[in-house]
Amino acid sequence: MAVLPTGELIVAGLRGNVFRSVDSGDTWKRLEGLPPISWLASAVGADGNLWLGNQGGQVFTSRDKGESWAMVPQVPGAPALPLTGLLPLGQGKVLMTSMRGLGLIEVPANPK
């Protein structure tokens, strides 16, 4: 689960399901535009960007509370799958954790 700076809740899990609540969990909206792969990691950066990592090793980011998503380019030499955690470090860098180690993602200013 991730909590955005504006208070929205994001939950992500099996089969690519991702939901957002804007009312402390009373109601939920399914977020679209993501692959149907189980999500294992989520994080929110200090800048409010949302990050999700899935079982296939893909990392996605959203700058608009999950309304649209951009896949982060794969990192050469990234740790073996599956991803287990994401930690935004600021300045376009995100630390990835996996069952076999750590990796660093450097994200372009406007990933597509």
N, C-alpha and C. Protein backbone atom coordinates (compact mmCIF):
# COMPACT_ATOMS: atom_id res chain seq x y z
N MET A 1 0.84 -1.17 0.00
CA MET A 1 0.00 0.00 0.00
C MET A 1 0.89 1.24 0.00
N ALA A 2 0.41 2.27 -0.67
CA ALA A 2 1.11 3.55 -0.70
C ALA A 2 0.11 4.65 -0.35
N VAL A 3 0.61 5.66 0.35
CA VAL A 3 -0.21 6.82 0.70
C VAL A 3 0.39 8.04 0.03
N LEU A 4 -0.39 8.68 -0.84
CA LEU A 4 0.07 9.86 -1.55
C LEU A 4 0.04 11.07 -0.61
N PRO A 5 0.85 12.09 -0.89
CA PRO A 5 0.89 13.27 -0.03
C PRO A 5 -0.47 13.95 0.15
N THR A 6 -1.35 13.77 -0.82
CA THR A 6 -2.69 14.36 -0.76
C THR A 6 -3.69 13.47 -0.01
N GLY A 7 -3.22 12.31 0.50
CA GLY A 7 -4.07 11.45 1.32
C GLY A 7 -4.69 10.26 0.60
N GLU A 8 -4.61 10.22 -0.73
CA GLU A 8 -5.16 9.06 -1.43
C GLU A 8 -4.40 7.79 -1.06
N LEU A 9 -5.12 6.69 -1.06
CA LEU A 9 -4.52 5.38 -0.79
C LEU A 9 -4.43 4.61 -2.10
N ILE A 10 -3.31 3.92 -2.31
CA ILE A 10 -3.12 3.08 -3.48
C ILE A 10 -2.80 1.68 -2.98
N VAL A 11 -3.54 0.69 -3.47
CA VAL A 11 -3.21 -0.70 -3.16
C VAL A 11 -3.00 -1.43 -4.47
N ALA A 12 -2.03 -2.32 -4.49
CA ALA A 12 -1.70 -3.07 -5.70
C ALA A 12 -1.43 -4.51 -5.30
N GLY A 13 -1.83 -5.45 -6.15
CA GLY A 13 -1.64 -6.85 -5.77
C GLY A 13 -1.67 -7.80 -6.95
N LEU A 14 -2.35 -8.92 -6.74
CA LEU A 14 -2.35 -10.02 -7.68
C LEU A 14 -2.99 -9.65 -9.02
N ARG A 15 -2.48 -10.30 -10.07
CA ARG A 15 -3.00 -10.18 -11.43
C ARG A 15 -3.08 -8.74 -11.94
N GLY A 16 -2.20 -7.89 -11.44
CA GLY A 16 -2.13 -6.53 -11.94
C GLY A 16 -3.19 -5.60 -11.41
N ASN A 17 -3.93 -6.00 -10.40
CA ASN A 17 -4.98 -5.14 -9.84
C ASN A 17 -4.37 -4.01 -9.02
N VAL A 18 -4.80 -2.77 -9.35
CA VAL A 18 -4.37 -1.59 -8.62
C VAL A 18 -5.61 -0.73 -8.40
N PHE A 19 -5.79 -0.29 -7.15
CA PHE A 19 -6.96 0.50 -6.79
C PHE A 19 -6.53 1.75 -6.03
N ARG A 20 -7.36 2.83 -6.17
CA ARG A 20 -7.11 4.07 -5.44
C ARG A 20 -8.38 4.47 -4.69
N SER A 21 -8.18 4.95 -3.47
CA SER A 21 -9.27 5.50 -2.68
C SER A 21 -8.96 6.95 -2.34
N VAL A 22 -9.94 7.81 -2.52
CA VAL A 22 -9.77 9.22 -2.18
C VAL A 22 -10.53 9.58 -0.90
N ASP A 23 -11.17 8.56 -0.27
CA ASP A 23 -11.99 8.81 0.92
C ASP A 23 -11.65 7.86 2.07
N SER A 24 -10.37 7.70 2.31
CA SER A 24 -9.87 6.87 3.43
C SER A 24 -10.32 5.41 3.36
N GLY A 25 -10.54 4.90 2.17
CA GLY A 25 -10.87 3.50 1.99
C GLY A 25 -12.35 3.17 1.95
N ASP A 26 -13.22 4.17 2.00
CA ASP A 26 -14.66 3.89 1.93
C ASP A 26 -15.06 3.39 0.54
N THR A 27 -14.48 3.98 -0.50
CA THR A 27 -14.75 3.53 -1.87
C THR A 27 -13.41 3.41 -2.61
N TRP A 28 -13.42 2.58 -3.67
CA TRP A 28 -12.20 2.32 -4.42
C TRP A 28 -12.48 2.40 -5.91
N LYS A 29 -11.49 2.89 -6.66
CA LYS A 29 -11.56 2.94 -8.12
C LYS A 29 -10.40 2.13 -8.67
N ARG A 30 -10.70 1.24 -9.60
CA ARG A 30 -9.64 0.45 -10.24
C ARG A 30 -8.88 1.34 -11.21
N LEU A 31 -7.54 1.30 -11.12
CA LEU A 31 -6.68 2.06 -12.02
C LEU A 31 -6.33 1.20 -13.22
N GLU A 32 -6.37 1.79 -14.39
CA GLU A 32 -6.14 1.06 -15.64
C GLU A 32 -4.78 1.43 -16.23
N GLY A 33 -4.39 0.67 -17.27
CA GLY A 33 -3.19 1.00 -18.04
C GLY A 33 -1.93 0.28 -17.59
N LEU A 34 -2.09 -0.74 -16.76
CA LEU A 34 -0.93 -1.49 -16.26
C LEU A 34 -1.05 -2.95 -16.68
N PRO A 35 0.09 -3.65 -16.84
CA PRO A 35 0.03 -5.05 -17.26
C PRO A 35 -0.56 -5.94 -16.15
N PRO A 36 -1.16 -7.08 -16.55
CA PRO A 36 -1.78 -7.98 -15.58
C PRO A 36 -0.78 -8.91 -14.89
N ILE A 37 0.21 -8.31 -14.27
CA ILE A 37 1.26 -9.06 -13.55
C ILE A 37 1.19 -8.65 -12.09
N SER A 38 1.37 -9.56 -11.18
CA SER A 38 1.26 -9.25 -9.75
C SER A 38 2.26 -8.19 -9.31
N TRP A 39 1.76 -7.24 -8.52
CA TRP A 39 2.58 -6.14 -8.00
C TRP A 39 3.13 -6.52 -6.65
N LEU A 40 4.44 -6.33 -6.48
CA LEU A 40 5.12 -6.73 -5.25
C LEU A 40 5.72 -5.55 -4.50
N ALA A 41 5.81 -4.40 -5.13
CA ALA A 41 6.46 -3.26 -4.49
C ALA A 41 5.75 -1.97 -4.88
N SER A 42 5.63 -1.08 -3.91
CA SER A 42 5.06 0.24 -4.18
C SER A 42 5.76 1.26 -3.30
N ALA A 43 5.79 2.49 -3.78
CA ALA A 43 6.42 3.57 -3.01
C ALA A 43 5.93 4.90 -3.54
N VAL A 44 6.05 5.92 -2.70
CA VAL A 44 5.74 7.28 -3.10
C VAL A 44 6.96 8.13 -2.79
N GLY A 45 7.43 8.88 -3.78
CA GLY A 45 8.58 9.75 -3.58
C GLY A 45 8.20 11.05 -2.89
N ALA A 46 9.19 11.77 -2.41
CA ALA A 46 8.96 13.06 -1.75
C ALA A 46 8.27 14.04 -2.69
N ASP A 47 8.44 13.84 -4.00
CA ASP A 47 7.82 14.71 -5.00
C ASP A 47 6.38 14.29 -5.31
N GLY A 48 5.89 13.22 -4.67
CA GLY A 48 4.52 12.75 -4.89
C GLY A 48 4.39 11.73 -6.00
N ASN A 49 5.49 11.43 -6.71
CA ASN A 49 5.43 10.41 -7.76
C ASN A 49 5.17 9.05 -7.14
N LEU A 50 4.32 8.29 -7.80
CA LEU A 50 3.97 6.94 -7.37
C LEU A 50 4.80 5.94 -8.17
N TRP A 51 5.31 4.92 -7.48
CA TRP A 51 6.13 3.88 -8.11
C TRP A 51 5.53 2.53 -7.81
N LEU A 52 5.48 1.64 -8.83
CA LEU A 52 5.05 0.26 -8.66
C LEU A 52 6.05 -0.67 -9.34
N GLY A 53 6.36 -1.78 -8.69
CA GLY A 53 7.23 -2.80 -9.27
C GLY A 53 6.50 -4.13 -9.29
N ASN A 54 6.63 -4.88 -10.39
CA ASN A 54 5.87 -6.13 -10.48
C ASN A 54 6.76 -7.36 -10.49
N GLN A 55 6.11 -8.49 -10.49
CA GLN A 55 6.78 -9.78 -10.41
C GLN A 55 7.69 -10.02 -11.62
N GLY A 56 7.38 -9.38 -12.73
CA GLY A 56 8.18 -9.53 -13.94
C GLY A 56 9.39 -8.61 -13.97
N GLY A 57 9.58 -7.81 -12.92
CA GLY A 57 10.72 -6.92 -12.86
C GLY A 57 10.50 -5.56 -13.49
N GLN A 58 9.29 -5.30 -13.95
CA GLN A 58 8.98 -4.00 -14.54
C GLN A 58 8.71 -2.98 -13.44
N VAL A 59 9.10 -1.74 -13.69
CA VAL A 59 8.84 -0.65 -12.77
C VAL A 59 8.07 0.42 -13.54
N PHE A 60 6.98 0.90 -12.94
CA PHE A 60 6.15 1.93 -13.54
C PHE A 60 6.08 3.12 -12.59
N THR A 61 5.92 4.31 -13.16
CA THR A 61 5.77 5.51 -12.35
C THR A 61 4.58 6.32 -12.85
N SER A 62 3.96 7.03 -11.93
CA SER A 62 2.84 7.91 -12.26
C SER A 62 3.07 9.24 -11.57
N ARG A 63 2.90 10.31 -12.33
CA ARG A 63 3.05 11.66 -11.80
C ARG A 63 1.69 12.31 -11.54
N ASP A 64 0.59 11.56 -11.82
CA ASP A 64 -0.75 12.13 -11.70
C ASP A 64 -1.68 11.22 -10.89
N LYS A 65 -1.18 10.69 -9.79
CA LYS A 65 -1.96 9.89 -8.84
C LYS A 65 -2.53 8.61 -9.45
N GLY A 66 -1.85 8.07 -10.46
CA GLY A 66 -2.26 6.80 -11.04
C GLY A 66 -3.18 6.91 -12.23
N GLU A 67 -3.45 8.12 -12.71
CA GLU A 67 -4.31 8.28 -13.88
C GLU A 67 -3.60 7.83 -15.16
N SER A 68 -2.28 8.00 -15.22
CA SER A 68 -1.49 7.53 -16.36
C SER A 68 -0.18 6.98 -15.82
N TRP A 69 0.43 6.09 -16.61
CA TRP A 69 1.63 5.39 -16.17
C TRP A 69 2.70 5.42 -17.24
N ALA A 70 3.95 5.42 -16.82
CA ALA A 70 5.09 5.30 -17.73
C ALA A 70 5.96 4.17 -17.22
N MET A 71 6.34 3.25 -18.12
CA MET A 71 7.25 2.19 -17.71
C MET A 71 8.66 2.73 -17.70
N VAL A 72 9.39 2.45 -16.65
CA VAL A 72 10.77 2.88 -16.52
C VAL A 72 11.63 1.91 -17.34
N PRO A 73 12.53 2.42 -18.17
CA PRO A 73 13.38 1.53 -18.96
C PRO A 73 14.14 0.53 -18.08
N GLN A 74 14.28 -0.69 -18.58
CA GLN A 74 15.01 -1.72 -17.85
C GLN A 74 16.45 -1.30 -17.63
N VAL A 75 16.98 -1.68 -16.52
CA VAL A 75 18.33 -1.30 -16.13
C VAL A 75 19.30 -2.45 -16.38
N PRO A 76 20.34 -2.24 -17.20
CA PRO A 76 21.33 -3.31 -17.38
C PRO A 76 21.97 -3.65 -16.04
N GLY A 77 22.12 -4.93 -15.78
CA GLY A 77 22.75 -5.38 -14.54
C GLY A 77 21.86 -5.26 -13.32
N ALA A 78 20.54 -5.06 -13.54
CA ALA A 78 19.61 -4.96 -12.41
C ALA A 78 19.57 -6.29 -11.67
N PRO A 79 19.19 -6.28 -10.39
CA PRO A 79 19.16 -7.52 -9.62
C PRO A 79 18.14 -8.50 -10.19
N ALA A 80 18.34 -9.78 -9.88
CA ALA A 80 17.46 -10.83 -10.37
C ALA A 80 16.06 -10.66 -9.81
N LEU A 81 15.10 -11.17 -10.56
CA LEU A 81 13.69 -11.06 -10.20
C LEU A 81 13.35 -12.05 -9.09
N PRO A 82 12.23 -11.87 -8.43
CA PRO A 82 11.30 -10.76 -8.55
C PRO A 82 11.70 -9.58 -7.69
N LEU A 83 11.19 -8.42 -8.04
CA LEU A 83 11.43 -7.23 -7.22
C LEU A 83 10.73 -7.40 -5.87
N THR A 84 11.31 -6.89 -4.83
CA THR A 84 10.69 -6.98 -3.51
C THR A 84 10.45 -5.62 -2.88
N GLY A 85 11.08 -4.57 -3.42
CA GLY A 85 10.88 -3.25 -2.84
C GLY A 85 11.42 -2.15 -3.72
N LEU A 86 10.89 -0.95 -3.51
CA LEU A 86 11.33 0.25 -4.21
C LEU A 86 11.48 1.36 -3.18
N LEU A 87 12.55 2.14 -3.31
CA LEU A 87 12.77 3.25 -2.40
C LEU A 87 13.21 4.47 -3.21
N PRO A 88 12.31 5.45 -3.43
CA PRO A 88 12.70 6.67 -4.13
C PRO A 88 13.76 7.43 -3.32
N LEU A 89 14.86 7.79 -3.99
CA LEU A 89 15.96 8.49 -3.33
C LEU A 89 16.01 9.97 -3.67
N GLY A 90 15.17 10.39 -4.60
CA GLY A 90 15.20 11.78 -5.05
C GLY A 90 16.10 11.94 -6.25
N GLN A 91 16.00 13.08 -6.90
CA GLN A 91 16.81 13.43 -8.07
C GLN A 91 16.77 12.35 -9.15
N GLY A 92 15.59 11.74 -9.35
CA GLY A 92 15.42 10.76 -10.41
C GLY A 92 16.02 9.40 -10.14
N LYS A 93 16.34 9.10 -8.90
CA LYS A 93 16.94 7.80 -8.58
C LYS A 93 16.00 7.00 -7.65
N VAL A 94 15.90 5.70 -7.94
CA VAL A 94 15.09 4.78 -7.14
C VAL A 94 15.91 3.53 -6.86
N LEU A 95 15.98 3.15 -5.60
CA LEU A 95 16.66 1.91 -5.21
C LEU A 95 15.68 0.75 -5.34
N MET A 96 16.09 -0.30 -6.05
CA MET A 96 15.29 -1.52 -6.20
C MET A 96 15.89 -2.59 -5.31
N THR A 97 15.03 -3.39 -4.68
CA THR A 97 15.51 -4.56 -3.95
C THR A 97 14.89 -5.80 -4.58
N SER A 98 15.62 -6.90 -4.50
CA SER A 98 15.12 -8.16 -5.03
C SER A 98 15.64 -9.28 -4.15
N MET A 99 15.25 -10.49 -4.49
CA MET A 99 15.70 -11.66 -3.73
C MET A 99 17.21 -11.85 -3.83
N ARG A 100 17.84 -11.20 -4.81
CA ARG A 100 19.28 -11.40 -5.02
C ARG A 100 20.11 -10.13 -4.93
N GLY A 101 19.55 -9.06 -4.39
CA GLY A 101 20.39 -7.89 -4.24
C GLY A 101 19.70 -6.58 -4.53
N LEU A 102 20.52 -5.57 -4.72
CA LEU A 102 20.06 -4.20 -4.91
C LEU A 102 20.41 -3.71 -6.31
N GLY A 103 19.64 -2.75 -6.78
CA GLY A 103 19.92 -2.11 -8.06
C GLY A 103 19.45 -0.68 -7.99
N LEU A 104 20.01 0.17 -8.82
CA LEU A 104 19.65 1.57 -8.84
C LEU A 104 19.04 1.91 -10.19
N ILE A 105 17.88 2.56 -10.17
CA ILE A 105 17.24 3.03 -11.38
C ILE A 105 17.48 4.54 -11.45
N GLU A 106 17.90 5.01 -12.60
CA GLU A 106 18.00 6.45 -12.82
C GLU A 106 16.97 6.79 -13.89
N VAL A 107 15.97 7.57 -13.49
CA VAL A 107 14.82 7.83 -14.33
C VAL A 107 14.98 9.15 -15.07
N PRO A 108 14.72 9.16 -16.38
CA PRO A 108 14.74 10.43 -17.11
C PRO A 108 13.68 11.38 -16.56
N ALA A 109 13.84 12.66 -16.79
CA ALA A 109 12.92 13.68 -16.25
C ALA A 109 11.48 13.41 -16.68
N ASN A 110 11.27 12.96 -17.90
CA ASN A 110 9.92 12.68 -18.39
C ASN A 110 9.88 11.30 -19.06
N PRO A 111 9.81 10.20 -18.25
CA PRO A 111 9.79 8.87 -18.86
C PRO A 111 8.55 8.68 -19.71
N LYS A 112 8.69 7.96 -20.81
CA LYS A 112 7.56 7.69 -21.71
C LYS A 112 7.21 6.23 -21.65
